N, C-alpha and C. Protein backbone atom coordinates (compact mmCIF):
# COMPACT_ATOMS: atom_id res chain seq x y z
N UNK A 1 -152.67 -3.44 -91.24
CA UNK A 1 -153.53 -2.55 -91.99
C UNK A 1 -154.12 -1.50 -91.04
N UNK A 2 -154.09 -0.25 -91.46
CA UNK A 2 -154.58 0.85 -90.63
C UNK A 2 -156.11 0.84 -90.58
N UNK A 3 -156.63 1.30 -89.46
CA UNK A 3 -158.08 1.39 -89.29
C UNK A 3 -158.63 2.55 -90.11
N UNK A 4 -159.76 2.33 -90.75
CA UNK A 4 -160.40 3.42 -91.49
C UNK A 4 -161.59 3.94 -90.69
N UNK A 5 -161.87 5.20 -90.89
CA UNK A 5 -162.97 5.88 -90.21
C UNK A 5 -163.91 6.43 -91.28
N UNK A 6 -165.20 6.42 -91.00
CA UNK A 6 -166.19 6.98 -91.92
C UNK A 6 -166.51 8.41 -91.49
N UNK A 7 -166.56 9.29 -92.49
CA UNK A 7 -166.80 10.71 -92.25
C UNK A 7 -167.85 11.26 -93.20
N UNK A 8 -168.43 12.38 -92.80
CA UNK A 8 -169.24 13.20 -93.69
C UNK A 8 -168.56 14.55 -93.79
N UNK A 9 -168.39 15.01 -95.03
CA UNK A 9 -167.92 16.37 -95.28
C UNK A 9 -169.15 17.23 -95.53
N UNK A 10 -169.25 18.33 -94.79
CA UNK A 10 -170.37 19.25 -94.89
C UNK A 10 -169.85 20.56 -95.45
N UNK A 11 -170.07 20.77 -96.74
CA UNK A 11 -169.60 22.00 -97.38
C UNK A 11 -170.66 23.07 -97.20
N UNK A 12 -170.21 24.27 -96.87
CA UNK A 12 -171.13 25.37 -96.56
C UNK A 12 -171.37 26.23 -97.78
N UNK A 13 -172.65 26.43 -98.10
CA UNK A 13 -173.04 27.44 -99.07
C UNK A 13 -172.75 27.13 -100.52
N UNK A 14 -172.69 25.87 -100.91
CA UNK A 14 -172.53 25.58 -102.34
C UNK A 14 -173.89 25.25 -102.94
N UNK A 15 -174.01 25.49 -104.24
CA UNK A 15 -175.21 25.18 -105.01
C UNK A 15 -176.46 25.84 -104.42
N UNK A 16 -176.30 27.03 -103.89
CA UNK A 16 -177.42 27.78 -103.33
C UNK A 16 -177.68 28.98 -104.24
N UNK A 17 -178.88 29.05 -104.79
CA UNK A 17 -179.24 30.17 -105.64
C UNK A 17 -178.38 30.32 -106.88
N UNK A 18 -177.86 29.22 -107.37
CA UNK A 18 -177.06 29.26 -108.59
C UNK A 18 -175.63 29.75 -108.40
N UNK A 19 -175.23 29.93 -107.17
CA UNK A 19 -173.88 30.43 -106.88
C UNK A 19 -173.00 29.30 -106.36
N UNK A 20 -171.69 29.47 -106.56
CA UNK A 20 -170.69 28.51 -106.08
C UNK A 20 -171.12 27.07 -106.40
N UNK A 21 -171.28 26.84 -107.70
CA UNK A 21 -171.76 25.53 -108.16
C UNK A 21 -170.67 24.47 -108.07
N UNK A 22 -171.02 23.38 -107.45
CA UNK A 22 -170.17 22.19 -107.38
C UNK A 22 -171.06 20.99 -107.68
N UNK A 23 -171.04 20.50 -108.92
CA UNK A 23 -171.83 19.31 -109.22
C UNK A 23 -171.38 18.14 -108.33
N UNK A 24 -172.34 17.35 -107.90
CA UNK A 24 -172.02 16.27 -106.97
C UNK A 24 -171.07 15.24 -107.60
N UNK A 25 -171.16 15.02 -108.90
CA UNK A 25 -170.21 14.11 -109.55
C UNK A 25 -168.79 14.66 -109.43
N UNK A 26 -168.65 15.97 -109.55
CA UNK A 26 -167.33 16.60 -109.40
C UNK A 26 -166.85 16.55 -107.96
N UNK A 27 -167.77 16.74 -107.01
CA UNK A 27 -167.39 16.63 -105.60
C UNK A 27 -166.95 15.20 -105.30
N UNK A 28 -167.65 14.23 -105.83
CA UNK A 28 -167.28 12.82 -105.66
C UNK A 28 -165.86 12.60 -106.18
N UNK A 29 -165.58 13.10 -107.37
CA UNK A 29 -164.25 12.96 -107.96
C UNK A 29 -163.18 13.65 -107.16
N UNK A 30 -163.48 14.84 -106.66
CA UNK A 30 -162.53 15.60 -105.87
C UNK A 30 -162.14 14.85 -104.60
N UNK A 31 -163.14 14.33 -103.87
CA UNK A 31 -162.87 13.60 -102.63
C UNK A 31 -162.12 12.30 -102.94
N UNK A 32 -162.48 11.64 -104.02
CA UNK A 32 -161.77 10.43 -104.44
C UNK A 32 -160.32 10.75 -104.78
N UNK A 33 -160.10 11.84 -105.52
CA UNK A 33 -158.75 12.24 -105.92
C UNK A 33 -157.87 12.57 -104.71
N UNK A 34 -158.48 12.93 -103.60
CA UNK A 34 -157.72 13.20 -102.38
C UNK A 34 -157.27 11.91 -101.69
N UNK A 35 -157.69 10.76 -102.26
CA UNK A 35 -157.25 9.48 -101.73
C UNK A 35 -158.20 8.83 -100.75
N UNK A 36 -159.40 9.38 -100.62
CA UNK A 36 -160.36 8.82 -99.69
C UNK A 36 -161.14 7.68 -100.36
N UNK A 37 -161.63 6.76 -99.53
CA UNK A 37 -162.33 5.60 -100.05
C UNK A 37 -163.83 5.66 -99.86
N UNK A 38 -164.53 4.77 -100.53
CA UNK A 38 -165.98 4.60 -100.39
C UNK A 38 -166.73 5.93 -100.44
N UNK A 39 -166.39 6.76 -101.42
CA UNK A 39 -166.97 8.11 -101.53
C UNK A 39 -168.39 8.03 -102.09
N UNK A 40 -169.29 8.73 -101.40
CA UNK A 40 -170.67 8.89 -101.86
C UNK A 40 -171.08 10.31 -101.57
N UNK A 41 -171.92 10.86 -102.42
CA UNK A 41 -172.47 12.19 -102.15
C UNK A 41 -173.94 12.03 -101.82
N UNK A 42 -174.46 13.06 -101.16
CA UNK A 42 -175.87 13.03 -100.77
C UNK A 42 -176.48 14.39 -101.05
N UNK A 43 -177.51 14.40 -101.87
CA UNK A 43 -178.22 15.60 -102.30
C UNK A 43 -177.27 16.57 -103.01
N UNK A 44 -177.78 17.72 -103.36
CA UNK A 44 -176.99 18.72 -104.08
C UNK A 44 -176.45 19.81 -103.16
N UNK A 45 -176.60 19.62 -101.86
CA UNK A 45 -176.28 20.71 -100.93
C UNK A 45 -174.91 20.58 -100.28
N UNK A 46 -174.02 19.78 -100.87
CA UNK A 46 -172.65 19.75 -100.36
C UNK A 46 -172.40 18.76 -99.25
N UNK A 47 -172.83 17.54 -99.44
CA UNK A 47 -172.57 16.49 -98.47
C UNK A 47 -171.84 15.35 -99.17
N UNK A 48 -170.71 14.97 -98.62
CA UNK A 48 -169.98 13.82 -99.15
C UNK A 48 -169.60 12.91 -97.99
N UNK A 49 -169.79 11.63 -98.17
CA UNK A 49 -169.42 10.64 -97.18
C UNK A 49 -168.25 9.86 -97.74
N UNK A 50 -167.27 9.56 -96.88
CA UNK A 50 -166.07 8.86 -97.35
C UNK A 50 -165.39 8.19 -96.18
N UNK A 51 -164.39 7.37 -96.49
CA UNK A 51 -163.57 6.76 -95.44
C UNK A 51 -162.13 7.26 -95.59
N UNK A 52 -161.44 7.28 -94.47
CA UNK A 52 -160.04 7.70 -94.43
C UNK A 52 -159.35 7.01 -93.26
N UNK A 53 -158.06 6.86 -93.39
CA UNK A 53 -157.29 6.26 -92.30
C UNK A 53 -156.91 7.28 -91.23
N UNK A 54 -157.02 8.54 -91.53
CA UNK A 54 -156.66 9.57 -90.55
C UNK A 54 -157.82 9.82 -89.59
N UNK A 55 -157.50 10.31 -88.41
CA UNK A 55 -158.55 10.70 -87.47
C UNK A 55 -158.55 12.22 -87.25
N UNK A 56 -157.96 12.95 -88.19
CA UNK A 56 -157.84 14.41 -88.10
C UNK A 56 -158.95 15.08 -88.91
N UNK A 57 -160.09 15.30 -88.27
CA UNK A 57 -161.23 15.91 -88.96
C UNK A 57 -160.89 17.29 -89.53
N UNK A 58 -160.18 18.10 -88.76
CA UNK A 58 -159.84 19.44 -89.24
C UNK A 58 -158.91 19.38 -90.44
N UNK A 59 -157.94 18.47 -90.41
CA UNK A 59 -157.04 18.31 -91.53
C UNK A 59 -157.77 17.84 -92.78
N UNK A 60 -158.71 16.93 -92.62
CA UNK A 60 -159.52 16.47 -93.75
C UNK A 60 -160.32 17.62 -94.34
N UNK A 61 -160.92 18.43 -93.48
CA UNK A 61 -161.71 19.58 -93.94
C UNK A 61 -160.84 20.57 -94.70
N UNK A 62 -159.64 20.89 -94.17
CA UNK A 62 -158.75 21.83 -94.87
C UNK A 62 -158.34 21.28 -96.24
N UNK A 63 -158.11 19.99 -96.33
CA UNK A 63 -157.76 19.38 -97.61
C UNK A 63 -158.87 19.52 -98.63
N UNK A 64 -160.10 19.32 -98.21
CA UNK A 64 -161.24 19.47 -99.12
C UNK A 64 -161.41 20.93 -99.51
N UNK A 65 -161.26 21.85 -98.56
CA UNK A 65 -161.37 23.28 -98.87
C UNK A 65 -160.34 23.69 -99.91
N UNK A 66 -159.08 23.27 -99.73
CA UNK A 66 -158.03 23.62 -100.70
C UNK A 66 -158.33 23.03 -102.07
N UNK A 67 -158.79 21.79 -102.10
CA UNK A 67 -159.08 21.13 -103.37
C UNK A 67 -160.25 21.82 -104.10
N UNK A 68 -161.27 22.24 -103.37
CA UNK A 68 -162.39 22.96 -103.98
C UNK A 68 -161.89 24.28 -104.57
N UNK A 69 -161.06 24.99 -103.82
CA UNK A 69 -160.54 26.27 -104.32
C UNK A 69 -159.70 26.06 -105.58
N UNK A 70 -158.84 25.05 -105.58
CA UNK A 70 -158.01 24.78 -106.75
C UNK A 70 -158.85 24.37 -107.95
N UNK A 71 -159.84 23.53 -107.75
CA UNK A 71 -160.62 22.99 -108.87
C UNK A 71 -161.70 23.95 -109.35
N UNK A 72 -162.35 24.68 -108.43
CA UNK A 72 -163.50 25.49 -108.81
C UNK A 72 -163.24 27.00 -108.76
N UNK A 73 -162.15 27.41 -108.12
CA UNK A 73 -161.78 28.82 -108.12
C UNK A 73 -162.47 29.68 -107.08
N UNK A 74 -163.09 29.09 -106.09
CA UNK A 74 -163.68 29.87 -105.00
C UNK A 74 -163.45 29.13 -103.70
N UNK A 75 -163.52 29.91 -102.61
CA UNK A 75 -163.33 29.29 -101.30
C UNK A 75 -164.68 28.85 -100.74
N UNK A 76 -164.62 27.79 -99.97
CA UNK A 76 -165.81 27.27 -99.33
C UNK A 76 -165.38 26.71 -97.98
N UNK A 77 -166.20 26.94 -96.98
CA UNK A 77 -165.93 26.35 -95.67
C UNK A 77 -166.43 24.92 -95.66
N UNK A 78 -165.71 24.08 -94.94
CA UNK A 78 -166.07 22.67 -94.85
C UNK A 78 -165.87 22.19 -93.42
N UNK A 79 -166.80 21.42 -92.94
CA UNK A 79 -166.65 20.73 -91.67
C UNK A 79 -166.67 19.24 -91.97
N UNK A 80 -165.83 18.49 -91.30
CA UNK A 80 -165.82 17.03 -91.43
C UNK A 80 -166.12 16.45 -90.06
N UNK A 81 -167.09 15.54 -90.03
CA UNK A 81 -167.49 14.91 -88.78
C UNK A 81 -167.60 13.40 -88.99
N UNK A 82 -167.16 12.65 -87.98
CA UNK A 82 -167.16 11.20 -88.03
C UNK A 82 -168.52 10.60 -87.70
N UNK A 83 -168.69 9.35 -88.10
CA UNK A 83 -169.94 8.63 -87.88
C UNK A 83 -170.42 8.60 -86.45
N UNK A 84 -169.55 8.28 -85.47
CA UNK A 84 -170.02 8.25 -84.09
C UNK A 84 -170.56 9.61 -83.62
N UNK A 85 -169.89 10.69 -84.02
CA UNK A 85 -170.36 12.03 -83.66
C UNK A 85 -171.73 12.28 -84.29
N UNK A 86 -171.86 11.98 -85.58
CA UNK A 86 -173.13 12.22 -86.27
C UNK A 86 -174.26 11.41 -85.64
N UNK A 87 -173.98 10.19 -85.24
CA UNK A 87 -174.98 9.38 -84.55
C UNK A 87 -175.34 9.97 -83.19
N UNK A 88 -174.36 10.53 -82.50
CA UNK A 88 -174.65 11.13 -81.20
C UNK A 88 -175.52 12.37 -81.36
N UNK A 89 -175.36 13.10 -82.44
CA UNK A 89 -176.21 14.26 -82.70
C UNK A 89 -177.66 13.81 -82.83
N UNK A 90 -177.89 12.72 -83.55
CA UNK A 90 -179.24 12.18 -83.69
C UNK A 90 -179.76 11.71 -82.33
N UNK A 91 -178.96 10.96 -81.62
CA UNK A 91 -179.39 10.40 -80.34
C UNK A 91 -179.62 11.42 -79.25
N UNK A 92 -178.91 12.54 -79.32
CA UNK A 92 -179.00 13.56 -78.27
C UNK A 92 -180.03 14.66 -78.57
N UNK A 93 -180.79 14.51 -79.64
CA UNK A 93 -181.74 15.56 -80.03
C UNK A 93 -182.70 15.86 -78.88
N UNK A 94 -182.79 17.12 -78.47
CA UNK A 94 -183.68 17.48 -77.36
C UNK A 94 -185.14 17.68 -77.77
N UNK A 95 -185.42 17.60 -79.07
CA UNK A 95 -186.77 17.77 -79.57
C UNK A 95 -187.33 16.41 -79.99
N UNK A 96 -188.65 16.27 -80.06
CA UNK A 96 -189.26 14.98 -80.43
C UNK A 96 -189.18 14.74 -81.94
N UNK A 97 -187.99 14.45 -82.42
CA UNK A 97 -187.73 14.34 -83.86
C UNK A 97 -188.66 13.35 -84.55
N UNK A 98 -189.01 12.26 -83.89
CA UNK A 98 -189.87 11.26 -84.49
C UNK A 98 -191.28 11.74 -84.77
N UNK A 99 -191.68 12.81 -84.12
CA UNK A 99 -193.03 13.35 -84.31
C UNK A 99 -193.04 14.59 -85.20
N UNK A 100 -191.87 15.00 -85.70
CA UNK A 100 -191.78 16.21 -86.51
C UNK A 100 -191.45 15.87 -87.95
N UNK A 101 -191.79 16.79 -88.84
CA UNK A 101 -191.38 16.68 -90.24
C UNK A 101 -189.92 17.12 -90.33
N UNK A 102 -189.19 16.56 -91.29
CA UNK A 102 -187.79 16.90 -91.45
C UNK A 102 -187.54 18.38 -91.66
N UNK A 103 -188.49 19.07 -92.28
CA UNK A 103 -188.33 20.51 -92.54
C UNK A 103 -188.51 21.36 -91.29
N UNK A 104 -189.01 20.75 -90.21
CA UNK A 104 -189.26 21.49 -88.98
C UNK A 104 -188.09 21.46 -88.01
N UNK A 105 -187.15 20.60 -88.25
CA UNK A 105 -186.03 20.44 -87.33
C UNK A 105 -184.72 20.47 -88.11
N UNK A 106 -183.80 21.27 -87.63
CA UNK A 106 -182.51 21.45 -88.29
C UNK A 106 -181.38 21.35 -87.26
N UNK A 107 -180.21 21.04 -87.77
CA UNK A 107 -179.01 21.09 -86.94
C UNK A 107 -178.00 21.98 -87.63
N UNK A 108 -177.48 22.94 -86.88
CA UNK A 108 -176.37 23.75 -87.35
C UNK A 108 -175.12 23.19 -86.70
N UNK A 109 -174.18 22.75 -87.53
CA UNK A 109 -172.91 22.22 -87.04
C UNK A 109 -171.92 23.37 -86.96
N UNK A 110 -171.17 23.43 -85.86
CA UNK A 110 -170.19 24.48 -85.64
C UNK A 110 -168.77 23.92 -85.69
N UNK A 111 -167.84 24.77 -86.01
CA UNK A 111 -166.43 24.38 -86.09
C UNK A 111 -165.83 24.12 -84.72
N UNK A 112 -166.45 24.59 -83.68
CA UNK A 112 -165.93 24.40 -82.32
C UNK A 112 -167.08 24.43 -81.32
N UNK A 113 -166.76 24.10 -80.10
CA UNK A 113 -167.75 24.16 -79.02
C UNK A 113 -168.20 25.61 -78.83
N UNK A 114 -169.48 25.77 -78.59
CA UNK A 114 -170.07 27.11 -78.46
C UNK A 114 -170.66 27.25 -77.06
N UNK A 115 -170.31 28.34 -76.43
CA UNK A 115 -170.82 28.63 -75.09
C UNK A 115 -172.22 29.25 -75.19
N UNK A 116 -173.10 28.91 -74.28
CA UNK A 116 -174.48 29.43 -74.31
C UNK A 116 -174.54 30.96 -74.30
N UNK A 117 -173.57 31.60 -73.66
CA UNK A 117 -173.57 33.07 -73.57
C UNK A 117 -173.55 33.74 -74.95
N UNK A 118 -173.06 33.05 -75.94
CA UNK A 118 -173.01 33.60 -77.30
C UNK A 118 -174.42 33.97 -77.78
N UNK A 119 -175.43 33.31 -77.25
CA UNK A 119 -176.80 33.50 -77.70
C UNK A 119 -177.64 34.35 -76.75
N UNK A 120 -177.00 35.00 -75.79
CA UNK A 120 -177.72 35.82 -74.81
C UNK A 120 -178.53 36.92 -75.46
N UNK A 121 -178.09 37.44 -76.59
CA UNK A 121 -178.80 38.53 -77.27
C UNK A 121 -180.00 38.09 -78.08
N UNK A 122 -180.25 36.79 -78.16
CA UNK A 122 -181.39 36.28 -78.92
C UNK A 122 -182.55 36.10 -77.94
N UNK A 123 -183.62 36.85 -78.19
CA UNK A 123 -184.81 36.79 -77.34
C UNK A 123 -185.65 35.57 -77.72
N UNK A 124 -185.47 34.50 -76.98
CA UNK A 124 -186.16 33.24 -77.30
C UNK A 124 -187.68 33.39 -77.25
N UNK A 125 -188.17 34.08 -76.23
CA UNK A 125 -189.62 34.23 -76.07
C UNK A 125 -190.26 34.95 -77.25
N UNK A 126 -189.55 35.88 -77.87
CA UNK A 126 -190.09 36.64 -78.99
C UNK A 126 -190.29 35.77 -80.22
N UNK A 127 -189.68 34.59 -80.25
CA UNK A 127 -189.74 33.73 -81.44
C UNK A 127 -190.58 32.48 -81.24
N UNK A 128 -191.18 32.33 -80.08
CA UNK A 128 -191.99 31.12 -79.83
C UNK A 128 -193.10 30.99 -80.87
N UNK A 129 -193.44 29.80 -81.31
CA UNK A 129 -193.06 28.50 -80.78
C UNK A 129 -191.71 27.98 -81.30
N UNK A 130 -191.03 28.75 -82.14
CA UNK A 130 -189.70 28.33 -82.57
C UNK A 130 -188.78 28.28 -81.36
N UNK A 131 -187.80 27.40 -81.42
CA UNK A 131 -186.91 27.25 -80.28
C UNK A 131 -185.59 26.64 -80.74
N UNK A 132 -184.57 26.75 -79.88
CA UNK A 132 -183.29 26.11 -80.17
C UNK A 132 -182.67 25.60 -78.88
N UNK A 133 -181.78 24.64 -79.05
CA UNK A 133 -181.00 24.09 -77.94
C UNK A 133 -179.61 23.82 -78.44
N UNK A 134 -178.63 23.98 -77.57
CA UNK A 134 -177.25 23.70 -77.92
C UNK A 134 -176.92 22.24 -77.65
N UNK A 135 -176.05 21.70 -78.49
CA UNK A 135 -175.52 20.36 -78.32
C UNK A 135 -174.00 20.41 -78.44
N UNK A 136 -173.40 19.30 -78.72
CA UNK A 136 -171.95 19.18 -78.88
C UNK A 136 -171.52 19.74 -80.24
N UNK A 137 -170.98 20.96 -80.24
CA UNK A 137 -170.58 21.65 -81.47
C UNK A 137 -171.74 21.73 -82.46
N UNK A 138 -172.94 21.88 -81.92
CA UNK A 138 -174.14 21.91 -82.75
C UNK A 138 -175.25 22.69 -82.07
N UNK A 139 -176.18 23.14 -82.89
CA UNK A 139 -177.38 23.81 -82.41
C UNK A 139 -178.56 23.12 -83.07
N UNK A 140 -179.51 22.70 -82.25
CA UNK A 140 -180.76 22.10 -82.74
C UNK A 140 -181.77 23.23 -82.87
N UNK A 141 -182.41 23.33 -84.03
CA UNK A 141 -183.34 24.41 -84.29
C UNK A 141 -184.70 23.85 -84.69
N UNK A 142 -185.72 24.18 -83.91
CA UNK A 142 -187.08 23.76 -84.18
C UNK A 142 -187.82 24.93 -84.81
N UNK A 143 -188.29 24.74 -86.03
CA UNK A 143 -189.03 25.76 -86.77
C UNK A 143 -190.30 25.12 -87.32
N UNK A 144 -191.43 25.21 -86.61
CA UNK A 144 -192.64 24.51 -87.05
C UNK A 144 -193.11 24.91 -88.44
N UNK A 145 -192.83 26.13 -88.89
CA UNK A 145 -193.22 26.57 -90.22
C UNK A 145 -192.14 26.39 -91.27
N UNK A 146 -191.05 25.75 -90.91
CA UNK A 146 -189.92 25.59 -91.83
C UNK A 146 -188.90 26.69 -91.64
N UNK A 147 -187.70 26.45 -92.10
CA UNK A 147 -186.61 27.39 -91.86
C UNK A 147 -186.67 28.61 -92.79
N UNK A 148 -187.33 28.47 -93.94
CA UNK A 148 -187.37 29.57 -94.91
C UNK A 148 -188.01 30.84 -94.39
N UNK A 149 -188.97 30.72 -93.51
CA UNK A 149 -189.67 31.89 -92.96
C UNK A 149 -189.35 32.13 -91.49
N UNK A 150 -188.35 31.46 -91.00
CA UNK A 150 -188.05 31.51 -89.57
C UNK A 150 -187.32 32.79 -89.18
N UNK A 151 -187.94 33.55 -88.31
CA UNK A 151 -187.29 34.74 -87.75
C UNK A 151 -186.19 34.34 -86.76
N UNK A 152 -186.40 33.23 -86.06
CA UNK A 152 -185.38 32.76 -85.13
C UNK A 152 -184.12 32.32 -85.89
N UNK A 153 -184.29 31.62 -87.00
CA UNK A 153 -183.13 31.22 -87.80
C UNK A 153 -182.35 32.45 -88.25
N UNK A 154 -183.06 33.50 -88.65
CA UNK A 154 -182.39 34.75 -89.04
C UNK A 154 -181.60 35.34 -87.87
N UNK A 155 -182.21 35.35 -86.70
CA UNK A 155 -181.53 35.91 -85.51
C UNK A 155 -180.29 35.10 -85.17
N UNK A 156 -180.37 33.78 -85.30
CA UNK A 156 -179.23 32.92 -84.98
C UNK A 156 -178.12 33.00 -86.02
N UNK A 157 -178.46 33.46 -87.22
CA UNK A 157 -177.47 33.54 -88.30
C UNK A 157 -176.74 34.89 -88.35
N UNK A 158 -177.11 35.81 -87.49
CA UNK A 158 -176.46 37.13 -87.49
C UNK A 158 -174.95 36.98 -87.27
N UNK A 159 -174.21 37.85 -87.91
CA UNK A 159 -172.75 37.81 -87.81
C UNK A 159 -172.28 37.94 -86.37
N UNK A 160 -172.98 38.73 -85.57
CA UNK A 160 -172.57 38.91 -84.18
C UNK A 160 -172.70 37.61 -83.38
N UNK A 161 -173.61 36.75 -83.77
CA UNK A 161 -173.81 35.48 -83.08
C UNK A 161 -172.79 34.45 -83.55
N UNK A 162 -172.52 34.41 -84.86
CA UNK A 162 -171.66 33.38 -85.44
C UNK A 162 -170.21 33.82 -85.62
N UNK A 163 -169.86 34.98 -85.12
CA UNK A 163 -168.52 35.52 -85.31
C UNK A 163 -167.44 34.50 -84.91
N UNK A 164 -166.49 34.29 -85.85
CA UNK A 164 -165.37 33.40 -85.58
C UNK A 164 -165.66 31.92 -85.75
N UNK A 165 -166.88 31.59 -86.14
CA UNK A 165 -167.26 30.18 -86.29
C UNK A 165 -167.50 29.83 -87.75
N UNK A 166 -167.20 28.62 -88.11
CA UNK A 166 -167.74 28.05 -89.34
C UNK A 166 -169.01 27.34 -88.91
N UNK A 167 -170.10 27.61 -89.61
CA UNK A 167 -171.38 27.01 -89.28
C UNK A 167 -172.10 26.61 -90.56
N UNK A 168 -172.70 25.45 -90.56
CA UNK A 168 -173.49 25.00 -91.70
C UNK A 168 -174.67 24.19 -91.18
N UNK A 169 -175.81 24.38 -91.82
CA UNK A 169 -177.07 23.82 -91.32
C UNK A 169 -177.61 22.76 -92.26
N UNK A 170 -178.18 21.70 -91.67
CA UNK A 170 -178.82 20.63 -92.43
C UNK A 170 -180.18 20.33 -91.80
N UNK A 171 -181.17 19.98 -92.65
CA UNK A 171 -182.47 19.59 -92.09
C UNK A 171 -182.37 18.20 -91.48
N UNK A 172 -183.38 17.85 -90.70
CA UNK A 172 -183.32 16.62 -89.92
C UNK A 172 -183.21 15.38 -90.81
N UNK A 173 -183.86 15.39 -91.96
CA UNK A 173 -183.74 14.24 -92.86
C UNK A 173 -182.29 14.01 -93.26
N UNK A 174 -181.59 15.08 -93.59
CA UNK A 174 -180.19 14.97 -93.98
C UNK A 174 -179.32 14.58 -92.78
N UNK A 175 -179.60 15.14 -91.62
CA UNK A 175 -178.86 14.79 -90.40
C UNK A 175 -178.92 13.28 -90.19
N UNK A 176 -180.11 12.73 -90.24
CA UNK A 176 -180.29 11.30 -90.05
C UNK A 176 -179.63 10.47 -91.13
N UNK A 177 -179.76 10.89 -92.37
CA UNK A 177 -179.19 10.13 -93.48
C UNK A 177 -177.67 10.11 -93.41
N UNK A 178 -177.04 11.23 -93.07
CA UNK A 178 -175.58 11.25 -92.97
C UNK A 178 -175.10 10.38 -91.82
N UNK A 179 -175.84 10.37 -90.72
CA UNK A 179 -175.48 9.48 -89.61
C UNK A 179 -175.57 8.03 -90.06
N UNK A 180 -176.63 7.70 -90.77
CA UNK A 180 -176.81 6.34 -91.28
C UNK A 180 -175.71 5.97 -92.27
N UNK A 181 -175.38 6.87 -93.17
CA UNK A 181 -174.36 6.59 -94.20
C UNK A 181 -172.96 6.39 -93.61
N UNK A 182 -172.69 7.02 -92.48
CA UNK A 182 -171.36 6.92 -91.88
C UNK A 182 -171.24 5.82 -90.84
N UNK A 183 -172.37 5.26 -90.43
CA UNK A 183 -172.33 4.19 -89.42
C UNK A 183 -172.93 2.88 -89.91
N UNK A 184 -173.75 2.96 -90.97
CA UNK A 184 -174.45 1.77 -91.43
C UNK A 184 -175.67 1.45 -90.60
N UNK A 185 -175.94 2.27 -89.59
CA UNK A 185 -177.08 2.06 -88.69
C UNK A 185 -178.18 3.05 -89.05
N UNK A 186 -179.43 2.58 -89.16
CA UNK A 186 -180.52 3.53 -89.41
C UNK A 186 -180.61 4.54 -88.26
N UNK A 187 -180.77 5.79 -88.62
CA UNK A 187 -180.83 6.86 -87.61
C UNK A 187 -182.24 7.05 -87.11
């Protein structure tokens, strides 16, 4: 019997402002129809947890992207990350996550490793006390007032900064929950 791996699919930009609607029951069905096991969705923001025998995260993501386009008629970017990676993101957090509210800390997941030079044009001092740190294919973002009013989040989301990358952001509560759902270990 082949070994199965637990993954989280992170769909970018669905169910935001009434656009690109994907009901979670439909997302659950879509991932199940692709042959994946133990499918669960989390929140309405495009998170699905599942198991698969493959270890090809990029291939899994492309399969979900194609299925969303076929079923819903629009394209959506998707990143798939395994449980051990998601747990390492929680464990490697450079900010005191245990002392912060979930809305104050976010992780932006990237499609590939990002070099620090990509962010040279972002004036960190101008955005204090907001701050960010790079991790493994991820960016940790501390926004004490929340991400909705964050000028630093806006600067980091500029096309010139994210050019050529797929990027999707989750708040710390979701980061921890997805790690827990894919490993069975509380984050």
